[in-house]
Amino acid sequence: MAQKKKLRIPSKAMKRGTALWNKAFTEKIAEDMSTWADDEFMKLFMDFCYGGLYDRNVLPQKTRELCAVAACVMANAHPQLKTHIIAAWNCGASKKEIVEVIIQMATYCGMPYMLQAARIAWNEVFPNLKKRGNAAAIPDGLKN
């Protein structure tokens, strides 16, 4: 079997990705990207998103993640919605705040997208959230 190459994730991106989710999840995202694209694209993505936009000190990280939850509801992007609900939780958002952001999206994208997102949060993500206080974590079953 071929040996996996060691990915070079930019340090700022690794730091932010680890804070939002955890190290293993951030490495998995980079590995997946390097598989279907290449290392150069992965580094561009990581630098721009995690080491760039997500690392700006203009908004509190909790607010930034609640915005990401709203955007994922609008885009009907369920896999990303799950990970950004987890990141919002890891940044201090309460379940009530997360659900309120999802409900607010009914105004902008309609009831069907809002209802799908609320069900995902309530039935798939919230039951698996880990307690706060330890390193950020992705619940089992939501690692991709």
N, C-alpha and C. Protein backbone atom coordinates (compact mmCIF):
# COMPACT_ATOMS: atom_id res chain seq x y z
N MET A 1 0.85 -1.16 0.00
CA MET A 1 0.00 0.00 0.00
C MET A 1 0.90 1.24 0.00
N ALA A 2 0.50 2.25 -0.76
CA ALA A 2 1.28 3.48 -0.84
C ALA A 2 1.20 4.25 0.48
N GLN A 3 2.32 4.81 0.87
CA GLN A 3 2.37 5.57 2.10
C GLN A 3 1.75 6.95 1.85
N LYS A 4 0.93 7.41 2.83
CA LYS A 4 0.33 8.72 2.70
C LYS A 4 1.39 9.79 2.86
N LYS A 5 1.33 10.79 1.99
CA LYS A 5 2.29 11.89 2.11
C LYS A 5 1.85 12.81 3.24
N LYS A 6 2.81 13.45 3.84
CA LYS A 6 2.54 14.40 4.91
C LYS A 6 2.10 15.73 4.30
N LEU A 7 0.89 16.16 4.61
CA LEU A 7 0.39 17.42 4.09
C LEU A 7 0.96 18.58 4.89
N ARG A 8 1.22 19.66 4.20
CA ARG A 8 1.71 20.88 4.85
C ARG A 8 0.57 21.89 4.89
N ILE A 9 -0.21 21.83 5.95
CA ILE A 9 -1.31 22.77 6.14
C ILE A 9 -0.71 24.06 6.71
N PRO A 10 -1.02 25.21 6.13
CA PRO A 10 -0.49 26.46 6.66
C PRO A 10 -0.79 26.61 8.15
N SER A 11 0.17 27.11 8.92
CA SER A 11 0.06 27.12 10.38
C SER A 11 -1.14 27.92 10.90
N LYS A 12 -1.42 29.11 10.32
CA LYS A 12 -2.59 29.88 10.77
C LYS A 12 -3.88 29.12 10.50
N ALA A 13 -3.94 28.44 9.37
CA ALA A 13 -5.12 27.66 9.01
C ALA A 13 -5.30 26.48 9.97
N MET A 14 -4.20 25.82 10.30
CA MET A 14 -4.29 24.69 11.24
C MET A 14 -4.75 25.17 12.62
N LYS A 15 -4.23 26.28 13.05
CA LYS A 15 -4.61 26.82 14.36
C LYS A 15 -6.10 27.13 14.41
N ARG A 16 -6.63 27.82 13.38
CA ARG A 16 -8.04 28.18 13.36
C ARG A 16 -8.91 26.95 13.18
N GLY A 17 -8.54 26.05 12.27
CA GLY A 17 -9.32 24.83 12.07
C GLY A 17 -9.39 23.98 13.33
N THR A 18 -8.30 23.92 14.07
CA THR A 18 -8.28 23.16 15.32
C THR A 18 -9.19 23.81 16.35
N ALA A 19 -9.22 25.14 16.39
CA ALA A 19 -10.09 25.84 17.35
C ALA A 19 -11.56 25.67 16.99
N LEU A 20 -11.87 25.67 15.69
CA LEU A 20 -13.27 25.54 15.28
C LEU A 20 -13.78 24.11 15.40
N TRP A 21 -12.96 23.16 15.02
CA TRP A 21 -13.35 21.76 15.05
C TRP A 21 -12.35 20.97 15.87
N ASN A 22 -11.34 20.46 15.27
CA ASN A 22 -10.21 19.83 15.94
C ASN A 22 -9.14 19.54 14.89
N LYS A 23 -7.99 19.12 15.34
CA LYS A 23 -6.85 18.90 14.44
C LYS A 23 -7.16 17.80 13.41
N ALA A 24 -7.72 16.70 13.88
CA ALA A 24 -7.98 15.57 12.98
C ALA A 24 -8.97 15.95 11.88
N PHE A 25 -10.00 16.71 12.22
CA PHE A 25 -10.99 17.12 11.23
C PHE A 25 -10.35 18.05 10.20
N THR A 26 -9.54 18.99 10.67
CA THR A 26 -8.86 19.92 9.77
C THR A 26 -7.93 19.17 8.83
N GLU A 27 -7.20 18.20 9.36
CA GLU A 27 -6.32 17.39 8.51
C GLU A 27 -7.12 16.59 7.50
N LYS A 28 -8.30 16.09 7.89
CA LYS A 28 -9.15 15.31 6.99
C LYS A 28 -9.65 16.18 5.83
N ILE A 29 -10.04 17.41 6.13
CA ILE A 29 -10.47 18.34 5.07
C ILE A 29 -9.32 18.56 4.08
N ALA A 30 -8.12 18.80 4.60
CA ALA A 30 -6.95 19.03 3.74
C ALA A 30 -6.63 17.79 2.92
N GLU A 31 -6.70 16.63 3.54
CA GLU A 31 -6.42 15.37 2.83
C GLU A 31 -7.43 15.14 1.71
N ASP A 32 -8.71 15.34 2.01
CA ASP A 32 -9.74 15.18 0.98
C ASP A 32 -9.50 16.12 -0.19
N MET A 33 -9.20 17.38 0.12
CA MET A 33 -8.95 18.36 -0.92
C MET A 33 -7.75 18.00 -1.77
N SER A 34 -6.70 17.52 -1.14
CA SER A 34 -5.49 17.13 -1.88
C SER A 34 -5.76 15.92 -2.78
N THR A 35 -6.76 15.13 -2.43
CA THR A 35 -7.10 13.95 -3.23
C THR A 35 -7.82 14.35 -4.51
N TRP A 36 -8.84 15.19 -4.40
CA TRP A 36 -9.61 15.53 -5.60
C TRP A 36 -9.09 16.77 -6.33
N ALA A 37 -8.26 17.55 -5.68
CA ALA A 37 -7.63 18.69 -6.37
C ALA A 37 -6.13 18.46 -6.32
N ASP A 38 -5.42 19.27 -5.58
CA ASP A 38 -3.99 19.06 -5.38
C ASP A 38 -3.55 19.85 -4.16
N ASP A 39 -2.30 19.68 -3.75
CA ASP A 39 -1.80 20.34 -2.55
C ASP A 39 -1.83 21.86 -2.69
N GLU A 40 -1.56 22.37 -3.90
CA GLU A 40 -1.56 23.82 -4.09
C GLU A 40 -2.94 24.41 -3.83
N PHE A 41 -3.99 23.75 -4.37
CA PHE A 41 -5.35 24.25 -4.13
C PHE A 41 -5.70 24.16 -2.65
N MET A 42 -5.36 23.04 -2.02
CA MET A 42 -5.64 22.88 -0.59
C MET A 42 -5.03 24.02 0.20
N LYS A 43 -3.78 24.36 -0.09
CA LYS A 43 -3.11 25.45 0.63
C LYS A 43 -3.80 26.79 0.37
N LEU A 44 -4.19 27.04 -0.88
CA LEU A 44 -4.92 28.27 -1.20
C LEU A 44 -6.22 28.36 -0.40
N PHE A 45 -6.97 27.27 -0.39
CA PHE A 45 -8.23 27.22 0.36
C PHE A 45 -7.99 27.45 1.84
N MET A 46 -7.05 26.70 2.40
CA MET A 46 -6.76 26.81 3.83
C MET A 46 -6.29 28.21 4.20
N ASP A 47 -5.40 28.78 3.39
CA ASP A 47 -4.93 30.14 3.66
C ASP A 47 -6.06 31.16 3.58
N PHE A 48 -6.89 31.04 2.56
CA PHE A 48 -7.96 32.01 2.35
C PHE A 48 -9.06 31.88 3.40
N CYS A 49 -9.56 30.66 3.59
CA CYS A 49 -10.70 30.47 4.51
C CYS A 49 -10.26 30.43 5.96
N TYR A 50 -9.55 29.40 6.35
CA TYR A 50 -9.22 29.22 7.76
C TYR A 50 -8.17 30.21 8.24
N GLY A 51 -7.12 30.40 7.48
CA GLY A 51 -6.04 31.30 7.89
C GLY A 51 -6.30 32.75 7.53
N GLY A 52 -7.34 33.00 6.75
CA GLY A 52 -7.65 34.35 6.29
C GLY A 52 -8.97 34.84 6.86
N LEU A 53 -10.06 34.53 6.14
CA LEU A 53 -11.37 35.03 6.55
C LEU A 53 -11.75 34.63 7.99
N TYR A 54 -11.57 33.37 8.31
CA TYR A 54 -11.98 32.90 9.63
C TYR A 54 -11.04 33.36 10.74
N ASP A 55 -9.92 33.93 10.39
CA ASP A 55 -8.96 34.37 11.39
C ASP A 55 -8.94 35.89 11.55
N ARG A 56 -9.85 36.59 10.88
CA ARG A 56 -9.92 38.05 11.04
C ARG A 56 -10.52 38.37 12.41
N ASN A 57 -10.05 39.42 13.02
CA ASN A 57 -10.50 39.81 14.36
C ASN A 57 -11.51 40.96 14.31
N VAL A 58 -12.38 40.96 13.31
CA VAL A 58 -13.39 42.00 13.19
C VAL A 58 -14.67 41.59 13.90
N LEU A 59 -15.10 40.36 13.69
CA LEU A 59 -16.28 39.81 14.36
C LEU A 59 -15.85 38.79 15.40
N PRO A 60 -16.61 38.67 16.48
CA PRO A 60 -16.35 37.56 17.39
C PRO A 60 -16.54 36.24 16.64
N GLN A 61 -15.76 35.24 16.97
CA GLN A 61 -15.82 33.97 16.25
C GLN A 61 -17.21 33.34 16.33
N LYS A 62 -17.89 33.49 17.45
CA LYS A 62 -19.25 32.97 17.59
C LYS A 62 -20.17 33.61 16.55
N THR A 63 -20.08 34.92 16.38
CA THR A 63 -20.91 35.63 15.40
C THR A 63 -20.58 35.15 13.99
N ARG A 64 -19.30 35.01 13.71
CA ARG A 64 -18.87 34.54 12.39
C ARG A 64 -19.46 33.16 12.09
N GLU A 65 -19.46 32.28 13.06
CA GLU A 65 -20.00 30.93 12.85
C GLU A 65 -21.52 30.94 12.73
N LEU A 66 -22.19 31.81 13.47
CA LEU A 66 -23.64 31.91 13.31
C LEU A 66 -23.99 32.43 11.92
N CYS A 67 -23.16 33.33 11.37
CA CYS A 67 -23.34 33.78 9.99
C CYS A 67 -23.14 32.61 9.02
N ALA A 68 -22.16 31.77 9.30
CA ALA A 68 -21.91 30.59 8.44
C ALA A 68 -23.10 29.63 8.49
N VAL A 69 -23.68 29.45 9.68
CA VAL A 69 -24.87 28.60 9.80
C VAL A 69 -25.98 29.18 8.92
N ALA A 70 -26.21 30.49 9.01
CA ALA A 70 -27.26 31.13 8.20
C ALA A 70 -26.99 30.92 6.70
N ALA A 71 -25.76 31.10 6.29
CA ALA A 71 -25.42 30.94 4.87
C ALA A 71 -25.64 29.51 4.42
N CYS A 72 -25.30 28.55 5.26
CA CYS A 72 -25.50 27.14 4.89
C CYS A 72 -26.98 26.79 4.78
N VAL A 73 -27.81 27.39 5.63
CA VAL A 73 -29.26 27.18 5.52
C VAL A 73 -29.72 27.74 4.17
N MET A 74 -29.30 28.95 3.85
CA MET A 74 -29.68 29.60 2.59
C MET A 74 -29.26 28.78 1.37
N ALA A 75 -28.09 28.18 1.44
CA ALA A 75 -27.55 27.41 0.31
C ALA A 75 -28.05 25.97 0.31
N ASN A 76 -28.77 25.59 1.35
CA ASN A 76 -29.23 24.21 1.51
C ASN A 76 -28.03 23.25 1.47
N ALA A 77 -26.94 23.67 2.09
CA ALA A 77 -25.67 22.92 2.11
C ALA A 77 -25.59 22.12 3.41
N HIS A 78 -26.19 20.96 3.42
CA HIS A 78 -26.32 20.19 4.66
C HIS A 78 -25.02 19.70 5.27
N PRO A 79 -24.07 19.15 4.52
CA PRO A 79 -22.82 18.73 5.18
C PRO A 79 -22.10 19.90 5.84
N GLN A 80 -22.06 21.04 5.16
CA GLN A 80 -21.40 22.22 5.72
C GLN A 80 -22.21 22.77 6.89
N LEU A 81 -23.53 22.71 6.81
CA LEU A 81 -24.38 23.15 7.91
C LEU A 81 -24.02 22.39 9.19
N LYS A 82 -23.88 21.09 9.07
CA LYS A 82 -23.55 20.28 10.25
C LYS A 82 -22.24 20.74 10.88
N THR A 83 -21.21 20.91 10.06
CA THR A 83 -19.91 21.28 10.63
C THR A 83 -19.92 22.70 11.19
N HIS A 84 -20.69 23.60 10.59
CA HIS A 84 -20.72 24.97 11.12
C HIS A 84 -21.61 25.09 12.36
N ILE A 85 -22.60 24.22 12.51
CA ILE A 85 -23.33 24.17 13.78
C ILE A 85 -22.37 23.75 14.89
N ILE A 86 -21.56 22.75 14.60
CA ILE A 86 -20.57 22.28 15.58
C ILE A 86 -19.57 23.39 15.90
N ALA A 87 -19.08 24.08 14.87
CA ALA A 87 -18.13 25.17 15.09
C ALA A 87 -18.77 26.29 15.91
N ALA A 88 -20.03 26.62 15.63
CA ALA A 88 -20.73 27.65 16.42
C ALA A 88 -20.81 27.22 17.88
N TRP A 89 -21.13 25.97 18.12
CA TRP A 89 -21.17 25.41 19.47
C TRP A 89 -19.79 25.52 20.13
N ASN A 90 -18.76 25.12 19.39
CA ASN A 90 -17.40 25.18 19.93
C ASN A 90 -16.94 26.61 20.21
N CYS A 91 -17.60 27.60 19.55
CA CYS A 91 -17.26 29.01 19.77
C CYS A 91 -18.18 29.67 20.80
N GLY A 92 -19.02 28.89 21.44
CA GLY A 92 -19.83 29.42 22.55
C GLY A 92 -21.29 29.69 22.26
N ALA A 93 -21.77 29.42 21.05
CA ALA A 93 -23.19 29.63 20.75
C ALA A 93 -24.01 28.56 21.47
N SER A 94 -25.16 28.96 21.95
CA SER A 94 -26.07 28.00 22.59
C SER A 94 -26.93 27.33 21.52
N LYS A 95 -27.55 26.22 21.89
CA LYS A 95 -28.47 25.56 20.96
C LYS A 95 -29.61 26.50 20.60
N LYS A 96 -30.08 27.27 21.58
CA LYS A 96 -31.17 28.22 21.34
C LYS A 96 -30.76 29.28 20.32
N GLU A 97 -29.54 29.80 20.43
CA GLU A 97 -29.05 30.79 19.46
C GLU A 97 -28.92 30.19 18.07
N ILE A 98 -28.42 28.98 17.99
CA ILE A 98 -28.25 28.31 16.69
C ILE A 98 -29.61 28.10 16.03
N VAL A 99 -30.57 27.61 16.80
CA VAL A 99 -31.92 27.39 16.26
C VAL A 99 -32.56 28.71 15.85
N GLU A 100 -32.34 29.76 16.62
CA GLU A 100 -32.92 31.06 16.27
C GLU A 100 -32.38 31.57 14.93
N VAL A 101 -31.09 31.38 14.69
CA VAL A 101 -30.51 31.77 13.40
C VAL A 101 -31.15 30.96 12.28
N ILE A 102 -31.33 29.67 12.50
CA ILE A 102 -31.97 28.82 11.49
C ILE A 102 -33.41 29.29 11.24
N ILE A 103 -34.16 29.55 12.29
CA ILE A 103 -35.55 30.02 12.15
C ILE A 103 -35.59 31.35 11.39
N GLN A 104 -34.66 32.25 11.68
CA GLN A 104 -34.60 33.55 11.00
C GLN A 104 -34.48 33.39 9.49
N MET A 105 -33.88 32.32 9.05
CA MET A 105 -33.66 32.11 7.62
C MET A 105 -34.95 31.79 6.87
N ALA A 106 -36.03 31.48 7.58
CA ALA A 106 -37.32 31.26 6.91
C ALA A 106 -37.72 32.49 6.10
N THR A 107 -37.36 33.67 6.59
CA THR A 107 -37.67 34.92 5.90
C THR A 107 -36.93 35.03 4.57
N TYR A 108 -35.73 34.49 4.51
CA TYR A 108 -34.87 34.71 3.35
C TYR A 108 -34.83 33.55 2.36
N CYS A 109 -35.03 32.33 2.84
CA CYS A 109 -34.95 31.20 1.92
C CYS A 109 -36.19 30.32 1.94
N GLY A 110 -37.15 30.62 2.81
CA GLY A 110 -38.39 29.88 2.84
C GLY A 110 -38.42 28.78 3.89
N MET A 111 -39.61 28.33 4.13
CA MET A 111 -39.84 27.31 5.16
C MET A 111 -39.18 25.96 4.86
N PRO A 112 -39.20 25.46 3.61
CA PRO A 112 -38.60 24.14 3.39
C PRO A 112 -37.12 24.05 3.79
N TYR A 113 -36.30 25.02 3.37
CA TYR A 113 -34.88 24.99 3.73
C TYR A 113 -34.71 25.15 5.24
N MET A 114 -35.49 26.07 5.82
CA MET A 114 -35.41 26.29 7.26
C MET A 114 -35.79 25.03 8.02
N LEU A 115 -36.87 24.37 7.62
CA LEU A 115 -37.31 23.16 8.31
C LEU A 115 -36.28 22.03 8.18
N GLN A 116 -35.70 21.88 7.00
CA GLN A 116 -34.66 20.86 6.82
C GLN A 116 -33.48 21.13 7.75
N ALA A 117 -33.06 22.38 7.80
CA ALA A 117 -31.92 22.75 8.64
C ALA A 117 -32.23 22.54 10.12
N ALA A 118 -33.42 22.92 10.54
CA ALA A 118 -33.81 22.75 11.95
C ALA A 118 -33.83 21.26 12.34
N ARG A 119 -34.34 20.45 11.44
CA ARG A 119 -34.36 19.00 11.72
C ARG A 119 -32.94 18.44 11.80
N ILE A 120 -32.07 18.88 10.92
CA ILE A 120 -30.67 18.42 10.96
C ILE A 120 -30.03 18.83 12.28
N ALA A 121 -30.21 20.09 12.67
CA ALA A 121 -29.64 20.56 13.94
C ALA A 121 -30.18 19.74 15.10
N TRP A 122 -31.49 19.64 15.17
CA TRP A 122 -32.14 19.03 16.33
C TRP A 122 -31.95 17.51 16.40
N ASN A 123 -32.04 16.84 15.24
CA ASN A 123 -32.01 15.37 15.24
C ASN A 123 -30.64 14.76 15.00
N GLU A 124 -29.77 15.46 14.27
CA GLU A 124 -28.49 14.86 13.90
C GLU A 124 -27.29 15.46 14.63
N VAL A 125 -27.32 16.77 14.86
CA VAL A 125 -26.14 17.42 15.44
C VAL A 125 -26.26 17.58 16.95
N PHE A 126 -27.32 18.21 17.42
CA PHE A 126 -27.43 18.49 18.86
C PHE A 126 -27.30 17.25 19.75
N PRO A 127 -27.92 16.12 19.40
CA PRO A 127 -27.79 14.96 20.30
C PRO A 127 -26.35 14.46 20.45
N ASN A 128 -25.49 14.81 19.51
CA ASN A 128 -24.12 14.31 19.52
C ASN A 128 -23.09 15.33 19.98
N LEU A 129 -23.53 16.54 20.32
CA LEU A 129 -22.56 17.56 20.74
C LEU A 129 -21.90 17.14 22.04
N LYS A 130 -20.62 17.40 22.11
CA LYS A 130 -19.87 17.09 23.32
C LYS A 130 -19.92 18.30 24.24
N LYS A 131 -19.73 18.04 25.52
CA LYS A 131 -19.72 19.14 26.48
C LYS A 131 -18.57 20.08 26.16
N ARG A 132 -18.77 21.33 26.53
CA ARG A 132 -17.73 22.33 26.31
C ARG A 132 -16.65 22.20 27.38
N GLY A 133 -15.53 22.84 27.12
CA GLY A 133 -14.47 22.87 28.12
C GLY A 133 -13.25 22.10 27.70
N ASN A 134 -13.42 21.11 26.86
CA ASN A 134 -12.26 20.38 26.34
C ASN A 134 -11.92 20.98 24.98
N ALA A 135 -10.96 20.39 24.33
CA ALA A 135 -10.61 20.85 22.99
C ALA A 135 -11.83 20.67 22.09
N ALA A 136 -11.95 21.53 21.10
CA ALA A 136 -13.07 21.43 20.17
C ALA A 136 -13.12 20.03 19.60
N ALA A 137 -14.31 19.54 19.34
CA ALA A 137 -14.44 18.17 18.87
C ALA A 137 -15.58 18.04 17.88
N ILE A 138 -15.42 17.12 16.97
CA ILE A 138 -16.47 16.74 16.03
C ILE A 138 -17.11 15.48 16.60
N PRO A 139 -18.44 15.50 16.84
CA PRO A 139 -19.09 14.29 17.34
C PRO A 139 -18.94 13.12 16.40
N ASP A 140 -18.94 11.93 16.95
CA ASP A 140 -18.86 10.73 16.13
C ASP A 140 -20.00 10.73 15.12
N GLY A 141 -19.71 10.27 13.92
CA GLY A 141 -20.74 10.20 12.89
C GLY A 141 -20.85 11.45 12.04
N LEU A 142 -20.18 12.54 12.43
CA LEU A 142 -20.25 13.79 11.67
C LEU A 142 -18.87 14.21 11.22
N LYS A 143 -17.98 13.26 11.02
CA LYS A 143 -16.60 13.58 10.74
C LYS A 143 -16.29 13.82 9.28
N ASN A 144 -17.26 13.79 8.42
CA ASN A 144 -16.97 14.11 7.02
C ASN A 144 -18.08 14.91 6.42
